Amino acid sequence: MLECGACGGRLRRVRRGFWERFRYRSLYECWQCGERSAERLGLGFYSGPNTRCPNCGTERLSRLRSRDHIDKMYRGPVNFLSWALGGNLYHCTFCRIQFYDVRKPPELRDGR
């Protein structure tokens, strides 16, 4: 259970506003003191040169030819943009999610 940094009380998840959705992955509020804390949206996985899982950050991915309807598709504005730009479809075996990315995977960058 998450604890408040100010008083040590329990945190509960609260709704994000429209602009907060672009900055935070989740927003929490303390039951006792009302202090808010946020989990920032990790856009660092999108800024590197290699393809990474947007959920866990691993580079150990498999490339798919077509979408698998059993595993979940990662949803988000960057994934939609990558799909629209013709990005490749990848699958993370650890998170069991599928996502699009326009960057080349690490094994294709080295020329192997």
PDB file of N, CA and C in Angstrom:
ATOM      1  N   MET A   1       0.849  -1.180   0.000  1.00  0.00           N
ATOM      2  CA  MET A   1       0.000   0.000   0.000  1.00  0.00           C
ATOM      3  C   MET A   1       0.891   1.237   0.000  1.00  0.00           C
ATOM      4  N   LEU A   2       0.518   2.236  -0.736  1.00  0.00           N
ATOM      5  CA  LEU A   2       1.287   3.465  -0.809  1.00  0.00           C
ATOM      6  C   LEU A   2       1.048   4.319   0.429  1.00  0.00           C
ATOM      7  N   GLU A   3       2.112   4.993   0.879  1.00  0.00           N
ATOM      8  CA  GLU A   3       2.017   5.832   2.070  1.00  0.00           C
ATOM      9  C   GLU A   3       2.283   7.283   1.720  1.00  0.00           C
ATOM     10  N   CYS A   4       1.652   8.183   2.446  1.00  0.00           N
ATOM     11  CA  CYS A   4       1.822   9.618   2.257  1.00  0.00           C
ATOM     12  C   CYS A   4       3.203  10.036   2.753  1.00  0.00           C
ATOM     13  N   GLY A   5       3.870  10.910   2.008  1.00  0.00           N
ATOM     14  CA  GLY A   5       5.178  11.393   2.413  1.00  0.00           C
ATOM     15  C   GLY A   5       5.113  12.396   3.546  1.00  0.00           C
ATOM     16  N   ALA A   6       3.959  13.053   3.732  1.00  0.00           N
ATOM     17  CA  ALA A   6       3.821  14.075   4.768  1.00  0.00           C
ATOM     18  C   ALA A   6       3.425  13.483   6.121  1.00  0.00           C
ATOM     19  N   CYS A   7       2.378  12.636   6.146  1.00  0.00           N
ATOM     20  CA  CYS A   7       1.869  12.142   7.430  1.00  0.00           C
ATOM     21  C   CYS A   7       1.978  10.635   7.595  1.00  0.00           C
ATOM     22  N   GLY A   8       2.278   9.893   6.532  1.00  0.00           N
ATOM     23  CA  GLY A   8       2.383   8.436   6.628  1.00  0.00           C
ATOM     24  C   GLY A   8       1.066   7.711   6.471  1.00  0.00           C
ATOM     25  N   GLY A   9      -0.009   8.420   6.115  1.00  0.00           N
ATOM     26  CA  GLY A   9      -1.318   7.805   5.932  1.00  0.00           C
ATOM     27  C   GLY A   9      -1.422   7.077   4.600  1.00  0.00           C
ATOM     28  N   ARG A  10      -2.564   6.414   4.410  1.00  0.00           N
ATOM     29  CA  ARG A  10      -2.799   5.673   3.171  1.00  0.00           C
ATOM     30  C   ARG A  10      -3.160   6.609   2.035  1.00  0.00           C
ATOM     31  N   LEU A  11      -2.707   6.261   0.842  1.00  0.00           N
ATOM     32  CA  LEU A  11      -3.025   7.038  -0.343  1.00  0.00           C
ATOM     33  C   LEU A  11      -4.096   6.327  -1.141  1.00  0.00           C
ATOM     34  N   ARG A  12      -4.981   7.105  -1.735  1.00  0.00           N
ATOM     35  CA  ARG A  12      -5.989   6.552  -2.631  1.00  0.00           C
ATOM     36  C   ARG A  12      -5.816   7.202  -3.995  1.00  0.00           C
ATOM     37  N   ARG A  13      -6.152   6.474  -5.022  1.00  0.00           N
ATOM     38  CA  ARG A  13      -6.016   6.988  -6.376  1.00  0.00           C
ATOM     39  C   ARG A  13      -7.208   7.885  -6.694  1.00  0.00           C
ATOM     40  N   VAL A  14      -6.915   9.044  -7.301  1.00  0.00           N
ATOM     41  CA  VAL A  14      -7.971   9.985  -7.655  1.00  0.00           C
ATOM     42  C   VAL A  14      -7.938  10.235  -9.157  1.00  0.00           C
ATOM     43  N   ARG A  15      -9.001  10.808  -9.668  1.00  0.00           N
ATOM     44  CA  ARG A  15      -9.110  11.104 -11.099  1.00  0.00           C
ATOM     45  C   ARG A  15      -8.185  12.235 -11.488  1.00  0.00           C
ATOM     46  N   ARG A  16      -7.617  12.092 -12.680  1.00  0.00           N
ATOM     47  CA  ARG A  16      -6.782  13.151 -13.226  1.00  0.00           C
ATOM     48  C   ARG A  16      -7.630  14.067 -14.085  1.00  0.00           C
ATOM     49  N   GLY A  17      -7.266  15.352 -14.093  1.00  0.00           N
ATOM     50  CA  GLY A  17      -7.926  16.308 -14.972  1.00  0.00           C
ATOM     51  C   GLY A  17      -7.419  16.146 -16.396  1.00  0.00           C
ATOM     52  N   PHE A  18      -7.958  16.956 -17.308  1.00  0.00           N
ATOM     53  CA  PHE A  18      -7.586  16.837 -18.713  1.00  0.00           C
ATOM     54  C   PHE A  18      -6.094  17.066 -18.920  1.00  0.00           C
ATOM     55  N   TRP A  19      -5.547  18.143 -18.373  1.00  0.00           N
ATOM     56  CA  TRP A  19      -4.131  18.466 -18.571  1.00  0.00           C
ATOM     57  C   TRP A  19      -3.221  17.572 -17.748  1.00  0.00           C
ATOM     58  N   GLU A  20      -3.727  17.042 -16.644  1.00  0.00           N
ATOM     59  CA  GLU A  20      -2.923  16.144 -15.807  1.00  0.00           C
ATOM     60  C   GLU A  20      -2.683  14.806 -16.486  1.00  0.00           C
ATOM     61  N   ARG A  21      -3.508  14.412 -17.412  1.00  0.00           N
ATOM     62  CA  ARG A  21      -3.323  13.150 -18.133  1.00  0.00           C
ATOM     63  C   ARG A  21      -2.066  13.157 -18.999  1.00  0.00           C
ATOM     64  N   PHE A  22      -1.652  14.347 -19.436  1.00  0.00           N
ATOM     65  CA  PHE A  22      -0.450  14.457 -20.251  1.00  0.00           C
ATOM     66  C   PHE A  22       0.825  14.504 -19.416  1.00  0.00           C
ATOM     67  N   ARG A  23       0.699  14.748 -18.104  1.00  0.00           N
ATOM     68  CA  ARG A  23       1.873  14.871 -17.240  1.00  0.00           C
ATOM     69  C   ARG A  23       2.064  13.693 -16.288  1.00  0.00           C
ATOM     70  N   TYR A  24       0.972  13.075 -15.836  1.00  0.00           N
ATOM     71  CA  TYR A  24       1.051  12.046 -14.804  1.00  0.00           C
ATOM     72  C   TYR A  24       0.441  10.737 -15.268  1.00  0.00           C
ATOM     73  N   ARG A  25       1.060   9.633 -14.846  1.00  0.00           N
ATOM     74  CA  ARG A  25       0.500   8.312 -15.111  1.00  0.00           C
ATOM     75  C   ARG A  25      -0.634   8.027 -14.138  1.00  0.00           C
ATOM     76  N   SER A  26      -0.455   8.430 -12.893  1.00  0.00           N
ATOM     77  CA  SER A  26      -1.496   8.269 -11.885  1.00  0.00           C
ATOM     78  C   SER A  26      -1.345   9.365 -10.837  1.00  0.00           C
ATOM     79  N   LEU A  27      -2.443   9.665 -10.151  1.00  0.00           N
ATOM     80  CA  LEU A  27      -2.485  10.726  -9.158  1.00  0.00           C
ATOM     81  C   LEU A  27      -3.097  10.151  -7.884  1.00  0.00           C
ATOM     82  N   TYR A  28      -2.461  10.423  -6.750  1.00  0.00           N
ATOM     83  CA  TYR A  28      -2.904   9.877  -5.467  1.00  0.00           C
ATOM     84  C   TYR A  28      -3.161  11.008  -4.483  1.00  0.00           C
ATOM     85  N   GLU A  29      -4.078  10.738  -3.525  1.00  0.00           N
ATOM     86  CA  GLU A  29      -4.396  11.707  -2.479  1.00  0.00           C
ATOM     87  C   GLU A  29      -4.448  10.981  -1.137  1.00  0.00           C
ATOM     88  N   CYS A  30      -3.941  11.626  -0.103  1.00  0.00           N
ATOM     89  CA  CYS A  30      -3.920  11.030   1.239  1.00  0.00           C
ATOM     90  C   CYS A  30      -5.313  11.087   1.857  1.00  0.00           C
ATOM     91  N   TRP A  31      -5.695  10.011   2.541  1.00  0.00           N
ATOM     92  CA  TRP A  31      -6.992   9.959   3.211  1.00  0.00           C
ATOM     93  C   TRP A  31      -7.035  10.922   4.390  1.00  0.00           C
ATOM     94  N   GLN A  32      -5.904  11.087   5.080  1.00  0.00           N
ATOM     95  CA  GLN A  32      -5.901  11.864   6.321  1.00  0.00           C
ATOM     96  C   GLN A  32      -5.661  13.353   6.106  1.00  0.00           C
ATOM     97  N   CYS A  33      -4.567  13.706   5.414  1.00  0.00           N
ATOM     98  CA  CYS A  33      -4.200  15.120   5.307  1.00  0.00           C
ATOM     99  C   CYS A  33      -4.579  15.759   3.973  1.00  0.00           C
ATOM    100  N   GLY A  34      -4.936  14.964   2.970  1.00  0.00           N
ATOM    101  CA  GLY A  34      -5.329  15.505   1.679  1.00  0.00           C
ATOM    102  C   GLY A  34      -4.165  15.866   0.771  1.00  0.00           C
ATOM    103  N   GLU A  35      -2.947  15.539   1.166  1.00  0.00           N
ATOM    104  CA  GLU A  35      -1.759  15.813   0.346  1.00  0.00           C
ATOM    105  C   GLU A  35      -1.818  14.973  -0.931  1.00  0.00           C
ATOM    106  N   ARG A  36      -1.470  15.600  -2.066  1.00  0.00           N
ATOM    107  CA  ARG A  36      -1.485  14.898  -3.352  1.00  0.00           C
ATOM    108  C   ARG A  36      -0.071  14.533  -3.769  1.00  0.00           C
ATOM    109  N   SER A  37       0.076  13.348  -4.338  1.00  0.00           N
ATOM    110  CA  SER A  37       1.341  12.925  -4.920  1.00  0.00           C
ATOM    111  C   SER A  37       1.037  12.278  -6.259  1.00  0.00           C
ATOM    112  N   ALA A  38       2.004  12.349  -7.159  1.00  0.00           N
ATOM    113  CA  ALA A  38       1.762  11.881  -8.516  1.00  0.00           C
ATOM    114  C   ALA A  38       2.884  10.969  -8.978  1.00  0.00           C
ATOM    115  N   GLU A  39       2.531  10.063  -9.858  1.00  0.00           N
ATOM    116  CA  GLU A  39       3.503   9.219 -10.533  1.00  0.00           C
ATOM    117  C   GLU A  39       3.651   9.780 -11.940  1.00  0.00           C
ATOM    118  N   ARG A  40       4.831  10.294 -12.222  1.00  0.00           N
ATOM    119  CA  ARG A  40       5.056  10.976 -13.499  1.00  0.00           C
ATOM    120  C   ARG A  40       4.996  10.002 -14.665  1.00  0.00           C
ATOM    121  N   LEU A  41       4.600  10.543 -15.794  1.00  0.00           N
ATOM    122  CA  LEU A  41       4.541   9.781 -17.023  1.00  0.00           C
ATOM    123  C   LEU A  41       5.955   9.593 -17.531  1.00  0.00           C
ATOM    124  N   GLY A  42       6.367   8.356 -17.714  1.00  0.00           N
ATOM    125  CA  GLY A  42       7.734   8.064 -18.131  1.00  0.00           C
ATOM    126  C   GLY A  42       7.896   8.117 -19.636  1.00  0.00           C
ATOM    127  N   LEU A  43       8.273   9.253 -20.161  1.00  0.00           N
ATOM    128  CA  LEU A  43       8.494   9.380 -21.597  1.00  0.00           C
ATOM    129  C   LEU A  43       9.940   9.107 -21.966  1.00  0.00           C
ATOM    130  N   GLY A  44      10.755   8.704 -21.010  1.00  0.00           N
ATOM    131  CA  GLY A  44      12.156   8.407 -21.279  1.00  0.00           C
ATOM    132  C   GLY A  44      12.354   7.211 -22.193  1.00  0.00           C
ATOM    133  N   PHE A  45      11.399   6.292 -22.203  1.00  0.00           N
ATOM    134  CA  PHE A  45      11.508   5.124 -23.065  1.00  0.00           C
ATOM    135  C   PHE A  45      11.368   5.500 -24.531  1.00  0.00           C
ATOM    136  N   TYR A  46      10.735   6.624 -24.804  1.00  0.00           N
ATOM    137  CA  TYR A  46      10.535   7.058 -26.187  1.00  0.00           C
ATOM    138  C   TYR A  46      11.661   7.936 -26.706  1.00  0.00           C
ATOM    139  N   SER A  47      12.538   8.414 -25.833  1.00  0.00           N
ATOM    140  CA  SER A  47      13.552   9.368 -26.272  1.00  0.00           C
ATOM    141  C   SER A  47      14.876   8.719 -26.670  1.00  0.00           C
ATOM    142  N   GLY A  48      15.089   7.462 -26.353  1.00  0.00           N
ATOM    143  CA  GLY A  48      16.352   6.805 -26.668  1.00  0.00           C
ATOM    144  C   GLY A  48      16.434   6.343 -28.104  1.00  0.00           C
ATOM    145  N   PRO A  49      17.603   5.876 -28.525  1.00  0.00           N
ATOM    146  CA  PRO A  49      17.777   5.439 -29.909  1.00  0.00           C
ATOM    147  C   PRO A  49      17.209   4.042 -30.185  1.00  0.00           C
ATOM    148  N   ASN A  50      17.023   3.230 -29.164  1.00  0.00           N
ATOM    149  CA  ASN A  50      16.572   1.850 -29.349  1.00  0.00           C
ATOM    150  C   ASN A  50      15.104   1.694 -28.991  1.00  0.00           C
ATOM    151  N   THR A  51      14.492   0.684 -29.563  1.00  0.00           N
ATOM    152  CA  THR A  51      13.115   0.347 -29.233  1.00  0.00           C
ATOM    153  C   THR A  51      13.073  -0.277 -27.850  1.00  0.00           C
ATOM    154  N   ARG A  52      12.178   0.222 -27.017  1.00  0.00           N
ATOM    155  CA  ARG A  52      11.996  -0.284 -25.657  1.00  0.00           C
ATOM    156  C   ARG A  52      10.512  -0.470 -25.379  1.00  0.00           C
ATOM    157  N   CYS A  53      10.217  -1.342 -24.437  1.00  0.00           N
ATOM    158  CA  CYS A  53       8.835  -1.529 -24.006  1.00  0.00           C
ATOM    159  C   CYS A  53       8.391  -0.274 -23.253  1.00  0.00           C
ATOM    160  N   PRO A  54       7.239   0.310 -23.585  1.00  0.00           N
ATOM    161  CA  PRO A  54       6.802   1.509 -22.887  1.00  0.00           C
ATOM    162  C   PRO A  54       6.336   1.252 -21.467  1.00  0.00           C
ATOM    163  N   ASN A  55       6.155  -0.008 -21.109  1.00  0.00           N
ATOM    164  CA  ASN A  55       5.679  -0.340 -19.774  1.00  0.00           C
ATOM    165  C   ASN A  55       6.832  -0.665 -18.818  1.00  0.00           C
ATOM    166  N   CYS A  56       7.733  -1.561 -19.214  1.00  0.00           N
ATOM    167  CA  CYS A  56       8.809  -1.987 -18.311  1.00  0.00           C
ATOM    168  C   CYS A  56      10.190  -1.514 -18.747  1.00  0.00           C
ATOM    169  N   GLY A  57      10.357  -1.122 -20.009  1.00  0.00           N
ATOM    170  CA  GLY A  57      11.623  -0.580 -20.475  1.00  0.00           C
ATOM    171  C   GLY A  57      12.619  -1.585 -21.023  1.00  0.00           C
ATOM    172  N   THR A  58      12.257  -2.833 -21.145  1.00  0.00           N
ATOM    173  CA  THR A  58      13.192  -3.831 -21.641  1.00  0.00           C
ATOM    174  C   THR A  58      13.400  -3.690 -23.151  1.00  0.00           C
ATOM    175  N   GLU A  59      14.577  -4.110 -23.606  1.00  0.00           N
ATOM    176  CA  GLU A  59      14.876  -4.132 -25.040  1.00  0.00           C
ATOM    177  C   GLU A  59      14.722  -5.529 -25.625  1.00  0.00           C
ATOM    178  N   ARG A  60      14.380  -6.500 -24.814  1.00  0.00           N
ATOM    179  CA  ARG A  60      14.203  -7.884 -25.279  1.00  0.00           C
ATOM    180  C   ARG A  60      12.777  -8.043 -25.798  1.00  0.00           C
ATOM    181  N   LEU A  61      12.594  -7.685 -27.062  1.00  0.00           N
ATOM    182  CA  LEU A  61      11.277  -7.666 -27.679  1.00  0.00           C
ATOM    183  C   LEU A  61      11.239  -8.596 -28.876  1.00  0.00           C
ATOM    184  N   SER A  62      10.045  -8.995 -29.251  1.00  0.00           N
ATOM    185  CA  SER A  62       9.879  -9.758 -30.480  1.00  0.00           C
ATOM    186  C   SER A  62       9.036  -8.931 -31.447  1.00  0.00           C
ATOM    187  N   ARG A  63       9.337  -9.061 -32.708  1.00  0.00           N
ATOM    188  CA  ARG A  63       8.635  -8.309 -33.733  1.00  0.00           C
ATOM    189  C   ARG A  63       7.515  -9.168 -34.295  1.00  0.00           C
ATOM    190  N   LEU A  64       6.338  -8.584 -34.450  1.00  0.00           N
ATOM    191  CA  LEU A  64       5.175  -9.310 -34.947  1.00  0.00           C
ATOM    192  C   LEU A  64       4.830  -8.860 -36.363  1.00  0.00           C
ATOM    193  N   ARG A  65       4.278  -9.778 -37.140  1.00  0.00           N
ATOM    194  CA  ARG A  65       3.827  -9.425 -38.490  1.00  0.00           C
ATOM    195  C   ARG A  65       2.429  -8.841 -38.477  1.00  0.00           C
ATOM    196  N   SER A  66       1.583  -9.396 -37.618  1.00  0.00           N
ATOM    197  CA  SER A  66       0.215  -8.890 -37.500  1.00  0.00           C
ATOM    198  C   SER A  66      -0.183  -8.883 -36.027  1.00  0.00           C
ATOM    199  N   ARG A  67      -1.241  -8.193 -35.729  1.00  0.00           N
ATOM    200  CA  ARG A  67      -1.683  -8.032 -34.354  1.00  0.00           C
ATOM    201  C   ARG A  67      -2.233  -9.337 -33.794  1.00  0.00           C
ATOM    202  N   ASP A  68      -1.855  -9.638 -32.562  1.00  0.00           N
ATOM    203  CA  ASP A  68      -2.368 -10.796 -31.842  1.00  0.00           C
ATOM    204  C   ASP A  68      -3.532 -10.307 -30.984  1.00  0.00           C
ATOM    205  N   HIS A  69      -4.704 -10.912 -31.151  1.00  0.00           N
ATOM    206  CA  HIS A  69      -5.886 -10.428 -30.436  1.00  0.00           C
ATOM    207  C   HIS A  69      -6.011 -10.997 -29.030  1.00  0.00           C
ATOM    208  N   ILE A  70      -5.062 -11.811 -28.604  1.00  0.00           N
ATOM    209  CA  ILE A  70      -5.093 -12.345 -27.246  1.00  0.00           C
ATOM    210  C   ILE A  70      -4.423 -11.370 -26.284  1.00  0.00           C
ATOM    211  N   ASP A  71      -3.229 -10.911 -26.609  1.00  0.00           N
ATOM    212  CA  ASP A  71      -2.521  -9.968 -25.746  1.00  0.00           C
ATOM    213  C   ASP A  71      -3.017  -8.544 -25.965  1.00  0.00           C
ATOM    214  N   LYS A  72      -2.878  -7.748 -24.936  1.00  0.00           N
ATOM    215  CA  LYS A  72      -3.392  -6.387 -24.934  1.00  0.00           C
ATOM    216  C   LYS A  72      -2.534  -5.464 -25.796  1.00  0.00           C
ATOM    217  N   MET A  73      -3.174  -4.503 -26.442  1.00  0.00           N
ATOM    218  CA  MET A  73      -2.481  -3.479 -27.209  1.00  0.00           C
ATOM    219  C   MET A  73      -2.255  -2.277 -26.295  1.00  0.00           C
ATOM    220  N   TYR A  74      -1.024  -1.772 -26.276  1.00  0.00           N
ATOM    221  CA  TYR A  74      -0.715  -0.595 -25.479  1.00  0.00           C
ATOM    222  C   TYR A  74      -1.396   0.619 -26.089  1.00  0.00           C
ATOM    223  N   ARG A  75      -2.082   1.401 -25.290  1.00  0.00           N
ATOM    224  CA  ARG A  75      -2.808   2.559 -25.787  1.00  0.00           C
ATOM    225  C   ARG A  75      -2.142   3.829 -25.294  1.00  0.00           C
ATOM    226  N   GLY A  76      -2.054   4.791 -26.173  1.00  0.00           N
ATOM    227  CA  GLY A  76      -1.481   6.067 -25.829  1.00  0.00           C
ATOM    228  C   GLY A  76      -1.229   6.892 -27.068  1.00  0.00           C
ATOM    229  N   PRO A  77      -0.997   8.191 -26.883  1.00  0.00           N
ATOM    230  CA  PRO A  77      -0.811   9.049 -28.057  1.00  0.00           C
ATOM    231  C   PRO A  77       0.457   8.735 -28.841  1.00  0.00           C
ATOM    232  N   VAL A  78       1.527   8.328 -28.169  1.00  0.00           N
ATOM    233  CA  VAL A  78       2.774   8.019 -28.868  1.00  0.00           C
ATOM    234  C   VAL A  78       2.618   6.731 -29.668  1.00  0.00           C
ATOM    235  N   ASN A  79       1.891   5.761 -29.135  1.00  0.00           N
ATOM    236  CA  ASN A  79       1.651   4.512 -29.851  1.00  0.00           C
ATOM    237  C   ASN A  79       0.803   4.763 -31.100  1.00  0.00           C
ATOM    238  N   PHE A  80      -0.210   5.603 -30.982  1.00  0.00           N
ATOM    239  CA  PHE A  80      -1.044   5.926 -32.132  1.00  0.00           C
ATOM    240  C   PHE A  80      -0.242   6.666 -33.199  1.00  0.00           C
ATOM    241  N   LEU A  81       0.603   7.585 -32.779  1.00  0.00           N
ATOM    242  CA  LEU A  81       1.438   8.326 -33.714  1.00  0.00           C
ATOM    243  C   LEU A  81       2.422   7.397 -34.428  1.00  0.00           C
ATOM    244  N   SER A  82       3.008   6.462 -33.690  1.00  0.00           N
ATOM    245  CA  SER A  82       3.927   5.492 -34.296  1.00  0.00           C
ATOM    246  C   SER A  82       3.206   4.607 -35.305  1.00  0.00           C
ATOM    247  N   TRP A  83       1.980   4.212 -35.004  1.00  0.00           N
ATOM    248  CA  TRP A  83       1.182   3.423 -35.943  1.00  0.00           C
ATOM    249  C   TRP A  83       0.889   4.231 -37.203  1.00  0.00           C
ATOM    250  N   ALA A  84       0.516   5.509 -37.022  1.00  0.00           N
ATOM    251  CA  ALA A  84       0.177   6.357 -38.162  1.00  0.00           C
ATOM    252  C   ALA A  84       1.392   6.622 -39.050  1.00  0.00           C
ATOM    253  N   LEU A  85       2.593   6.644 -38.465  1.00  0.00           N
ATOM    254  CA  LEU A  85       3.806   6.871 -39.239  1.00  0.00           C
ATOM    255  C   LEU A  85       4.357   5.587 -39.858  1.00  0.00           C
ATOM    256  N   GLY A  86       3.681   4.467 -39.659  1.00  0.00           N
ATOM    257  CA  GLY A  86       4.094   3.202 -40.261  1.00  0.00           C
ATOM    258  C   GLY A  86       5.120   2.450 -39.443  1.00  0.00           C
ATOM    259  N   GLY A  87       5.063   2.572 -38.145  1.00  0.00           N
ATOM    260  CA  GLY A  87       6.011   1.880 -37.271  1.00  0.00           C
ATOM    261  C   GLY A  87       5.791   0.379 -37.249  1.00  0.00           C
ATOM    262  N   ASN A  88       6.790  -0.343 -36.785  1.00  0.00           N
ATOM    263  CA  ASN A  88       6.716  -1.801 -36.678  1.00  0.00           C
ATOM    264  C   ASN A  88       5.962  -2.199 -35.412  1.00  0.00           C
ATOM    265  N   LEU A  89       5.351  -3.370 -35.451  1.00  0.00           N
ATOM    266  CA  LEU A  89       4.603  -3.902 -34.322  1.00  0.00           C
ATOM    267  C   LEU A  89       5.526  -4.791 -33.492  1.00  0.00           C
ATOM    268  N   TYR A  90       5.611  -4.528 -32.180  1.00  0.00           N
ATOM    269  CA  TYR A  90       6.465  -5.287 -31.268  1.00  0.00           C
ATOM    270  C   TYR A  90       5.631  -5.891 -30.156  1.00  0.00           C
ATOM    271  N   HIS A  91       6.193  -6.922 -29.517  1.00  0.00           N
ATOM    272  CA  HIS A  91       5.542  -7.607 -28.402  1.00  0.00           C
ATOM    273  C   HIS A  91       6.537  -7.783 -27.269  1.00  0.00           C
ATOM    274  N   CYS A  92       6.134  -7.394 -26.066  1.00  0.00           N
ATOM    275  CA  CYS A  92       6.957  -7.594 -24.867  1.00  0.00           C
ATOM    276  C   CYS A  92       6.457  -8.857 -24.168  1.00  0.00           C
ATOM    277  N   THR A  93       7.323  -9.840 -24.013  1.00  0.00           N
ATOM    278  CA  THR A  93       6.908 -11.094 -23.390  1.00  0.00           C
ATOM    279  C   THR A  93       6.773 -10.961 -21.873  1.00  0.00           C
ATOM    280  N   PHE A  94       7.425  -9.979 -21.277  1.00  0.00           N
ATOM    281  CA  PHE A  94       7.341  -9.793 -19.829  1.00  0.00           C
ATOM    282  C   PHE A  94       6.018  -9.137 -19.428  1.00  0.00           C
ATOM    283  N   CYS A  95       5.627  -8.091 -20.147  1.00  0.00           N
ATOM    284  CA  CYS A  95       4.385  -7.367 -19.849  1.00  0.00           C
ATOM    285  C   CYS A  95       3.188  -7.917 -20.609  1.00  0.00           C
ATOM    286  N   ARG A  96       3.453  -8.694 -21.658  1.00  0.00           N
ATOM    287  CA  ARG A  96       2.430  -9.231 -22.539  1.00  0.00           C
ATOM    288  C   ARG A  96       1.592  -8.128 -23.165  1.00  0.00           C
ATOM    289  N   ILE A  97       2.285  -7.112 -23.693  1.00  0.00           N
ATOM    290  CA  ILE A  97       1.608  -6.048 -24.416  1.00  0.00           C
ATOM    291  C   ILE A  97       2.196  -5.927 -25.814  1.00  0.00           C
ATOM    292  N   GLN A  98       1.422  -5.357 -26.722  1.00  0.00           N
ATOM    293  CA  GLN A  98       1.861  -5.080 -28.078  1.00  0.00           C
ATOM    294  C   GLN A  98       1.874  -3.572 -28.261  1.00  0.00           C
ATOM    295  N   PHE A  99       2.827  -3.077 -29.054  1.00  0.00           N
ATOM    296  CA  PHE A  99       2.912  -1.643 -29.284  1.00  0.00           C
ATOM    297  C   PHE A  99       3.632  -1.390 -30.595  1.00  0.00           C
ATOM    298  N   TYR A 100       3.475  -0.201 -31.121  1.00  0.00           N
ATOM    299  CA  TYR A 100       4.130   0.226 -32.355  1.00  0.00           C
ATOM    300  C   TYR A 100       5.295   1.142 -32.012  1.00  0.00           C
ATOM    301  N   ASP A 101       6.353   1.068 -32.825  1.00  0.00           N
ATOM    302  CA  ASP A 101       7.510   1.943 -32.647  1.00  0.00           C
ATOM    303  C   ASP A 101       8.165   2.160 -34.003  1.00  0.00           C
ATOM    304  N   VAL A 102       8.583   3.391 -34.270  1.00  0.00           N
ATOM    305  CA  VAL A 102       9.194   3.719 -35.555  1.00  0.00           C
ATOM    306  C   VAL A 102      10.704   3.501 -35.554  1.00  0.00           C
ATOM    307  N   ARG A 103      11.300   3.329 -34.371  1.00  0.00           N
ATOM    308  CA  ARG A 103      12.750   3.118 -34.296  1.00  0.00           C
ATOM    309  C   ARG A 103      13.086   1.667 -34.614  1.00  0.00           C
ATOM    310  N   LYS A 104      14.317   1.437 -35.030  1.00  0.00           N
ATOM    311  CA  LYS A 104      14.763   0.076 -35.328  1.00  0.00           C
ATOM    312  C   LYS A 104      15.147  -0.628 -34.034  1.00  0.00           C
ATOM    313  N   PRO A 105      14.959  -1.946 -33.979  1.00  0.00           N
ATOM    314  CA  PRO A 105      15.384  -2.678 -32.782  1.00  0.00           C
ATOM    315  C   PRO A 105      16.908  -2.703 -32.692  1.00  0.00           C
ATOM    316  N   PRO A 106      17.466  -2.929 -31.498  1.00  0.00           N
ATOM    317  CA  PRO A 106      18.927  -2.889 -31.314  1.00  0.00           C
ATOM    318  C   PRO A 106      19.690  -3.864 -32.198  1.00  0.00           C
ATOM    319  N   GLU A 107      19.175  -5.064 -32.456  1.00  0.00           N
ATOM    320  CA  GLU A 107      19.925  -6.044 -33.252  1.00  0.00           C
ATOM    321  C   GLU A 107      20.007  -5.635 -34.723  1.00  0.00           C
ATOM    322  N   LEU A 108      19.071  -4.823 -35.221  1.00  0.00           N
ATOM    323  CA  LEU A 108      19.133  -4.364 -36.595  1.00  0.00           C
ATOM    324  C   LEU A 108      19.998  -3.122 -36.750  1.00  0.00           C
ATOM    325  N   ARG A 109      20.234  -2.388 -35.665  1.00  0.00           N
ATOM    326  CA  ARG A 109      21.064  -1.177 -35.724  1.00  0.00           C
ATOM    327  C   ARG A 109      22.545  -1.534 -35.885  1.00  0.00           C
ATOM    328  N   ASP A 110      22.985  -2.647 -35.298  1.00  0.00           N
ATOM    329  CA  ASP A 110      24.403  -3.022 -35.340  1.00  0.00           C
ATOM    330  C   ASP A 110      24.817  -3.607 -36.678  1.00  0.00           C
ATOM    331  N   GLY A 111      23.876  -3.928 -37.510  1.00  0.00           N
ATOM    332  CA  GLY A 111      24.188  -4.535 -38.806  1.00  0.00           C
ATOM    333  C   GLY A 111      24.326  -6.037 -38.736  1.00  0.00           C
ATOM    334  N   ARG A 112      23.857  -6.659 -37.665  1.00  0.00           N
ATOM    335  CA  ARG A 112      23.927  -8.119 -37.522  1.00  0.00           C
ATOM    336  C   ARG A 112      22.854  -8.793 -38.304  1.00  0.00           C
TER     337      ARG A 112
END
